[in-house]
């Protein structure tokens, strides 16, 4: 089974996820909307909120075929299945049936890209807070989802308690803010 990215209307990711799980058998498809926990300041107080990492995208883990593709096209708020734009998705059924597996119209997310995202979100589909210690402009992650991934951290914002990380998604580098706790002494 491979991971695919479904492009949907921004703000409708959770609705599309719910519709997919309602109308398509859960044994054939796993749906995920990756999120991140961050702290936001409103009216002088800090609140913990959850934001979507990739607005407008829903991730699918499935064995994609033409029948499933057409079931997905019937979901409201669905725009299109992301591919690497080498192939046109609007093939006739016979054209897709005769293609070999190398030239599939359904292009999965590259394994190294999705593995990093899955490692960060873990099983709860959300990047939690990491405990970070900085010394002489060197960043050390003591615990949390960023542990062992110090290389993807591009910048630390101590005032907002956020780390800017670089994620590769569909061949493009995306920078994402994730929540951190800054420690004064290493643990």
C-alpha atoms as a PDB file:
ATOM      1  CA  UNK A   1       0.000   0.000   0.000  1.00  0.00           C
ATOM      2  CA  UNK A   2       1.250   3.471  -0.900  1.00  0.00           C
ATOM      3  CA  UNK A   3       0.485   6.962   0.367  1.00  0.00           C
ATOM      4  CA  UNK A   4      -1.268   9.446  -1.904  1.00  0.00           C
ATOM      5  CA  UNK A   5      -2.132  13.138  -1.473  1.00  0.00           C
ATOM      6  CA  UNK A   6      -5.657  14.270  -2.201  1.00  0.00           C
ATOM      7  CA  UNK A   7      -6.087  17.978  -2.937  1.00  0.00           C
ATOM      8  CA  UNK A   8      -9.309  19.317  -1.384  1.00  0.00           C
ATOM      9  CA  UNK A   9     -10.842  22.695  -0.637  1.00  0.00           C
ATOM     10  CA  UNK A  10      -8.838  24.410   2.095  1.00  0.00           C
ATOM     11  CA  UNK A  11     -10.639  24.267   5.422  1.00  0.00           C
ATOM     12  CA  UNK A  12     -12.605  21.170   4.391  1.00  0.00           C
ATOM     13  CA  UNK A  13      -9.928  18.556   5.186  1.00  0.00           C
ATOM     14  CA  UNK A  14     -11.709  17.059   8.201  1.00  0.00           C
ATOM     15  CA  UNK A  15     -15.029  16.939   6.355  1.00  0.00           C
ATOM     16  CA  UNK A  16     -13.448  15.115   3.404  1.00  0.00           C
ATOM     17  CA  UNK A  17     -11.727  12.710   5.817  1.00  0.00           C
ATOM     18  CA  UNK A  18     -15.056  11.947   7.499  1.00  0.00           C
ATOM     19  CA  UNK A  19     -16.803  11.444   4.138  1.00  0.00           C
ATOM     20  CA  UNK A  20     -14.091   9.099   2.884  1.00  0.00           C
ATOM     21  CA  UNK A  21     -14.241   6.964   6.021  1.00  0.00           C
ATOM     22  CA  UNK A  22     -18.052   6.930   5.777  1.00  0.00           C
ATOM     23  CA  UNK A  23     -18.382   5.953   2.104  1.00  0.00           C
ATOM     24  CA  UNK A  24     -15.271   3.840   1.487  1.00  0.00           C
ATOM     25  CA  UNK A  25     -14.476   0.621   3.337  1.00  0.00           C
ATOM     26  CA  UNK A  26     -11.889   1.289   6.071  1.00  0.00           C
ATOM     27  CA  UNK A  27     -10.126  -2.011   5.361  1.00  0.00           C
ATOM     28  CA  UNK A  28      -9.045  -0.702   1.936  1.00  0.00           C
ATOM     29  CA  UNK A  29      -8.060   2.850   2.868  1.00  0.00           C
ATOM     30  CA  UNK A  30      -6.522   4.783   5.760  1.00  0.00           C
ATOM     31  CA  UNK A  31      -7.111   8.543   5.818  1.00  0.00           C
ATOM     32  CA  UNK A  32      -4.921  11.075   7.623  1.00  0.00           C
ATOM     33  CA  UNK A  33      -4.889  14.853   8.017  1.00  0.00           C
ATOM     34  CA  UNK A  34      -1.511  15.623   9.681  1.00  0.00           C
ATOM     35  CA  UNK A  35      -1.598  18.374  12.310  1.00  0.00           C
ATOM     36  CA  UNK A  36       0.806  20.198  14.610  1.00  0.00           C
ATOM     37  CA  UNK A  37       0.410  21.534  18.134  1.00  0.00           C
ATOM     38  CA  UNK A  38       1.483  25.119  18.703  1.00  0.00           C
ATOM     39  CA  UNK A  39       0.955  27.779  21.335  1.00  0.00           C
ATOM     40  CA  UNK A  40      -0.765  31.008  20.331  1.00  0.00           C
ATOM     41  CA  UNK A  41      -1.172  34.185  22.317  1.00  0.00           C
ATOM     42  CA  UNK A  42      -4.672  35.669  22.416  1.00  0.00           C
ATOM     43  CA  UNK A  43      -5.620  38.564  24.669  1.00  0.00           C
ATOM     44  CA  UNK A  44      -2.392  38.182  26.613  1.00  0.00           C
ATOM     45  CA  UNK A  45      -2.878  34.485  27.403  1.00  0.00           C
ATOM     46  CA  UNK A  46      -1.221  31.425  25.869  1.00  0.00           C
ATOM     47  CA  UNK A  47      -3.479  28.805  24.323  1.00  0.00           C
ATOM     48  CA  UNK A  48      -2.551  25.446  22.879  1.00  0.00           C
ATOM     49  CA  UNK A  49      -4.037  24.962  19.410  1.00  0.00           C
ATOM     50  CA  UNK A  50      -3.867  22.352  16.690  1.00  0.00           C
ATOM     51  CA  UNK A  51      -3.227  23.451  13.088  1.00  0.00           C
ATOM     52  CA  UNK A  52      -3.118  21.457   9.862  1.00  0.00           C
ATOM     53  CA  UNK A  53       0.426  20.998   8.529  1.00  0.00           C
ATOM     54  CA  UNK A  54      -0.527  20.981   4.845  1.00  0.00           C
ATOM     55  CA  UNK A  55      -3.759  22.988   4.390  1.00  0.00           C
ATOM     56  CA  UNK A  56      -5.792  21.646   1.482  1.00  0.00           C
ATOM     57  CA  UNK A  57      -4.355  18.120   1.564  1.00  0.00           C
ATOM     58  CA  UNK A  58      -5.672  14.797   2.835  1.00  0.00           C
ATOM     59  CA  UNK A  59      -3.325  11.795   2.878  1.00  0.00           C
ATOM     60  CA  UNK A  60      -4.535   8.350   1.812  1.00  0.00           C
ATOM     61  CA  UNK A  61      -2.823   5.018   2.466  1.00  0.00           C
ATOM     62  CA  UNK A  62      -4.264   2.536  -0.013  1.00  0.00           C
ATOM     63  CA  UNK A  63      -3.721   0.411  -3.086  1.00  0.00           C
ATOM     64  CA  UNK A  64      -5.003   2.906  -5.651  1.00  0.00           C
ATOM     65  CA  UNK A  65      -6.955   1.605  -8.620  1.00  0.00           C
ATOM     66  CA  UNK A  66      -9.374   3.082 -11.115  1.00  0.00           C
ATOM     67  CA  UNK A  67     -12.498   2.014  -9.169  1.00  0.00           C
ATOM     68  CA  UNK A  68     -11.280   3.650  -5.954  1.00  0.00           C
ATOM     69  CA  UNK A  69     -10.254   6.739  -7.908  1.00  0.00           C
ATOM     70  CA  UNK A  70     -13.779   7.184  -9.254  1.00  0.00           C
ATOM     71  CA  UNK A  71     -15.275   6.610  -5.783  1.00  0.00           C
ATOM     72  CA  UNK A  72     -13.020   9.386  -4.474  1.00  0.00           C
ATOM     73  CA  UNK A  73     -14.080  11.718  -7.303  1.00  0.00           C
ATOM     74  CA  UNK A  74     -17.666  11.490  -6.018  1.00  0.00           C
ATOM     75  CA  UNK A  75     -16.695  12.859  -2.578  1.00  0.00           C
ATOM     76  CA  UNK A  76     -17.831  16.498  -2.152  1.00  0.00           C
ATOM     77  CA  UNK A  77     -15.047  19.121  -1.786  1.00  0.00           C
ATOM     78  CA  UNK A  78     -12.648  16.802  -3.656  1.00  0.00           C
ATOM     79  CA  UNK A  79     -10.526  18.666  -6.218  1.00  0.00           C
ATOM     80  CA  UNK A  80      -7.987  16.154  -7.552  1.00  0.00           C
ATOM     81  CA  UNK A  81      -5.476  13.457  -6.709  1.00  0.00           C
ATOM     82  CA  UNK A  82      -1.977  14.883  -6.622  1.00  0.00           C
ATOM     83  CA  UNK A  83       0.562  13.367  -8.962  1.00  0.00           C
ATOM     84  CA  UNK A  84       3.899  14.449 -10.312  1.00  0.00           C
ATOM     85  CA  UNK A  85       2.140  16.042 -13.306  1.00  0.00           C
ATOM     86  CA  UNK A  86       3.824  13.770 -15.837  1.00  0.00           C
ATOM     87  CA  UNK A  87       0.552  12.007 -16.505  1.00  0.00           C
ATOM     88  CA  UNK A  88      -2.966  13.273 -17.022  1.00  0.00           C
ATOM     89  CA  UNK A  89      -5.422  11.798 -14.501  1.00  0.00           C
ATOM     90  CA  UNK A  90      -8.458  12.049 -16.813  1.00  0.00           C
ATOM     91  CA  UNK A  91      -7.692   8.889 -18.777  1.00  0.00           C
ATOM     92  CA  UNK A  92     -10.315   6.584 -20.109  1.00  0.00           C
ATOM     93  CA  UNK A  93     -10.671   3.330 -18.184  1.00  0.00           C
ATOM     94  CA  UNK A  94      -9.031   1.278 -20.981  1.00  0.00           C
ATOM     95  CA  UNK A  95      -5.979   3.562 -21.067  1.00  0.00           C
ATOM     96  CA  UNK A  96      -5.267   3.093 -17.354  1.00  0.00           C
ATOM     97  CA  UNK A  97      -5.942  -0.639 -17.506  1.00  0.00           C
ATOM     98  CA  UNK A  98      -3.269  -1.128 -20.185  1.00  0.00           C
ATOM     99  CA  UNK A  99      -0.555   0.979 -18.550  1.00  0.00           C
ATOM    100  CA  UNK A 100       2.282  -0.770 -16.784  1.00  0.00           C
ATOM    101  CA  UNK A 101       2.955  -0.167 -13.094  1.00  0.00           C
ATOM    102  CA  UNK A 102       5.938   2.099 -13.862  1.00  0.00           C
ATOM    103  CA  UNK A 103       3.773   4.608 -15.738  1.00  0.00           C
ATOM    104  CA  UNK A 104       0.789   4.704 -13.429  1.00  0.00           C
ATOM    105  CA  UNK A 105      -1.508   7.710 -13.531  1.00  0.00           C
ATOM    106  CA  UNK A 106      -1.633   7.528  -9.740  1.00  0.00           C
ATOM    107  CA  UNK A 107       1.717   8.737  -8.396  1.00  0.00           C
ATOM    108  CA  UNK A 108       2.314   7.947  -4.721  1.00  0.00           C
ATOM    109  CA  UNK A 109       4.203  10.201  -2.338  1.00  0.00           C
ATOM    110  CA  UNK A 110       7.876   9.228  -2.268  1.00  0.00           C
ATOM    111  CA  UNK A 111       8.757   6.852   0.558  1.00  0.00           C
ATOM    112  CA  UNK A 112      11.401   9.100   2.162  1.00  0.00           C
ATOM    113  CA  UNK A 113       8.993  12.070   2.188  1.00  0.00           C
ATOM    114  CA  UNK A 114       6.093  10.218   3.800  1.00  0.00           C
ATOM    115  CA  UNK A 115       8.359   8.338   6.246  1.00  0.00           C
ATOM    116  CA  UNK A 116       9.547  11.637   7.749  1.00  0.00           C
ATOM    117  CA  UNK A 117       5.979  12.949   8.055  1.00  0.00           C
ATOM    118  CA  UNK A 118       4.793   9.675   9.640  1.00  0.00           C
ATOM    119  CA  UNK A 119       7.726   9.718  12.067  1.00  0.00           C
ATOM    120  CA  UNK A 120       6.842  13.255  13.151  1.00  0.00           C
ATOM    121  CA  UNK A 121       3.093  12.738  13.556  1.00  0.00           C
ATOM    122  CA  UNK A 122       3.467   9.249  15.059  1.00  0.00           C
ATOM    123  CA  UNK A 123       0.205   7.382  15.600  1.00  0.00           C
ATOM    124  CA  UNK A 124      -1.979  10.293  16.723  1.00  0.00           C
ATOM    125  CA  UNK A 125      -1.724  12.282  13.442  1.00  0.00           C
ATOM    126  CA  UNK A 126      -0.325  15.282  15.316  1.00  0.00           C
ATOM    127  CA  UNK A 127       3.168  16.649  15.895  1.00  0.00           C
ATOM    128  CA  UNK A 128       3.399  17.263  19.626  1.00  0.00           C
ATOM    129  CA  UNK A 129       5.793  19.501  21.529  1.00  0.00           C
ATOM    130  CA  UNK A 130       9.511  18.728  21.617  1.00  0.00           C
ATOM    131  CA  UNK A 131      11.819  19.786  24.441  1.00  0.00           C
ATOM    132  CA  UNK A 132      14.688  21.772  22.961  1.00  0.00           C
ATOM    133  CA  UNK A 133      17.902  23.087  24.502  1.00  0.00           C
ATOM    134  CA  UNK A 134      20.154  25.594  22.729  1.00  0.00           C
ATOM    135  CA  UNK A 135      23.770  26.238  23.615  1.00  0.00           C
ATOM    136  CA  UNK A 136      26.159  28.399  21.568  1.00  0.00           C
ATOM    137  CA  UNK A 137      23.642  28.402  18.678  1.00  0.00           C
ATOM    138  CA  UNK A 138      23.655  24.585  18.637  1.00  0.00           C
ATOM    139  CA  UNK A 139      20.218  22.986  18.868  1.00  0.00           C
ATOM    140  CA  UNK A 140      19.736  19.821  20.902  1.00  0.00           C
ATOM    141  CA  UNK A 141      16.368  18.066  21.116  1.00  0.00           C
ATOM    142  CA  UNK A 142      15.974  16.275  24.459  1.00  0.00           C
ATOM    143  CA  UNK A 143      12.610  14.603  23.790  1.00  0.00           C
ATOM    144  CA  UNK A 144       9.594  14.682  21.523  1.00  0.00           C
ATOM    145  CA  UNK A 145       8.962  14.038  17.821  1.00  0.00           C
ATOM    146  CA  UNK A 146      11.972  16.136  16.710  1.00  0.00           C
ATOM    147  CA  UNK A 147      14.437  13.985  18.675  1.00  0.00           C
ATOM    148  CA  UNK A 148      17.098  12.777  16.273  1.00  0.00           C
ATOM    149  CA  UNK A 149      15.886  15.164  13.553  1.00  0.00           C
ATOM    150  CA  UNK A 150      17.881  18.244  14.526  1.00  0.00           C
ATOM    151  CA  UNK A 151      19.008  18.611  10.896  1.00  0.00           C
ATOM    152  CA  UNK A 152      15.541  19.608   9.665  1.00  0.00           C
ATOM    153  CA  UNK A 153      15.264  22.465  12.200  1.00  0.00           C
ATOM    154  CA  UNK A 154      16.041  25.702  10.359  1.00  0.00           C
ATOM    155  CA  UNK A 155      15.219  28.316  12.988  1.00  0.00           C
ATOM    156  CA  UNK A 156      14.090  28.612  16.615  1.00  0.00           C
ATOM    157  CA  UNK A 157      11.717  31.386  17.735  1.00  0.00           C
ATOM    158  CA  UNK A 158      12.153  31.573  21.519  1.00  0.00           C
ATOM    159  CA  UNK A 159       9.454  34.216  21.980  1.00  0.00           C
ATOM    160  CA  UNK A 160       6.741  32.159  20.264  1.00  0.00           C
ATOM    161  CA  UNK A 161       8.117  28.747  21.384  1.00  0.00           C
ATOM    162  CA  UNK A 162       8.245  27.468  17.821  1.00  0.00           C
ATOM    163  CA  UNK A 163      10.742  25.748  15.589  1.00  0.00           C
ATOM    164  CA  UNK A 164      10.710  26.214  11.835  1.00  0.00           C
ATOM    165  CA  UNK A 165      11.362  22.860  10.157  1.00  0.00           C
ATOM    166  CA  UNK A 166      11.863  21.969   6.495  1.00  0.00           C
ATOM    167  CA  UNK A 167       9.764  19.137   5.077  1.00  0.00           C
ATOM    168  CA  UNK A 168      10.037  17.778   1.549  1.00  0.00           C
ATOM    169  CA  UNK A 169       6.549  17.238   0.110  1.00  0.00           C
ATOM    170  CA  UNK A 170       5.876  16.222  -3.493  1.00  0.00           C
ATOM    171  CA  UNK A 171       9.336  17.408  -4.534  1.00  0.00           C
ATOM    172  CA  UNK A 172       9.084  20.849  -2.906  1.00  0.00           C
ATOM    173  CA  UNK A 173      10.566  22.069   0.377  1.00  0.00           C
ATOM    174  CA  UNK A 174       7.854  23.334   2.749  1.00  0.00           C
ATOM    175  CA  UNK A 175       8.700  25.180   5.962  1.00  0.00           C
ATOM    176  CA  UNK A 176       6.396  24.418   8.872  1.00  0.00           C
ATOM    177  CA  UNK A 177       6.241  25.894  12.377  1.00  0.00           C
ATOM    178  CA  UNK A 178       5.972  23.307  15.166  1.00  0.00           C
ATOM    179  CA  UNK A 179       5.587  23.851  18.885  1.00  0.00           C
ATOM    180  CA  UNK A 180       8.548  23.404  21.232  1.00  0.00           C
ATOM    181  CA  UNK A 181       9.382  23.846  24.874  1.00  0.00           C
ATOM    182  CA  UNK A 182      12.682  25.623  25.440  1.00  0.00           C
ATOM    183  CA  UNK A 183      14.723  24.269  28.328  1.00  0.00           C
ATOM    184  CA  UNK A 184      17.241  26.331  30.231  1.00  0.00           C
ATOM    185  CA  UNK A 185      19.371  23.306  31.166  1.00  0.00           C
ATOM    186  CA  UNK A 186      19.755  20.040  29.271  1.00  0.00           C
ATOM    187  CA  UNK A 187      17.870  17.020  30.593  1.00  0.00           C
END
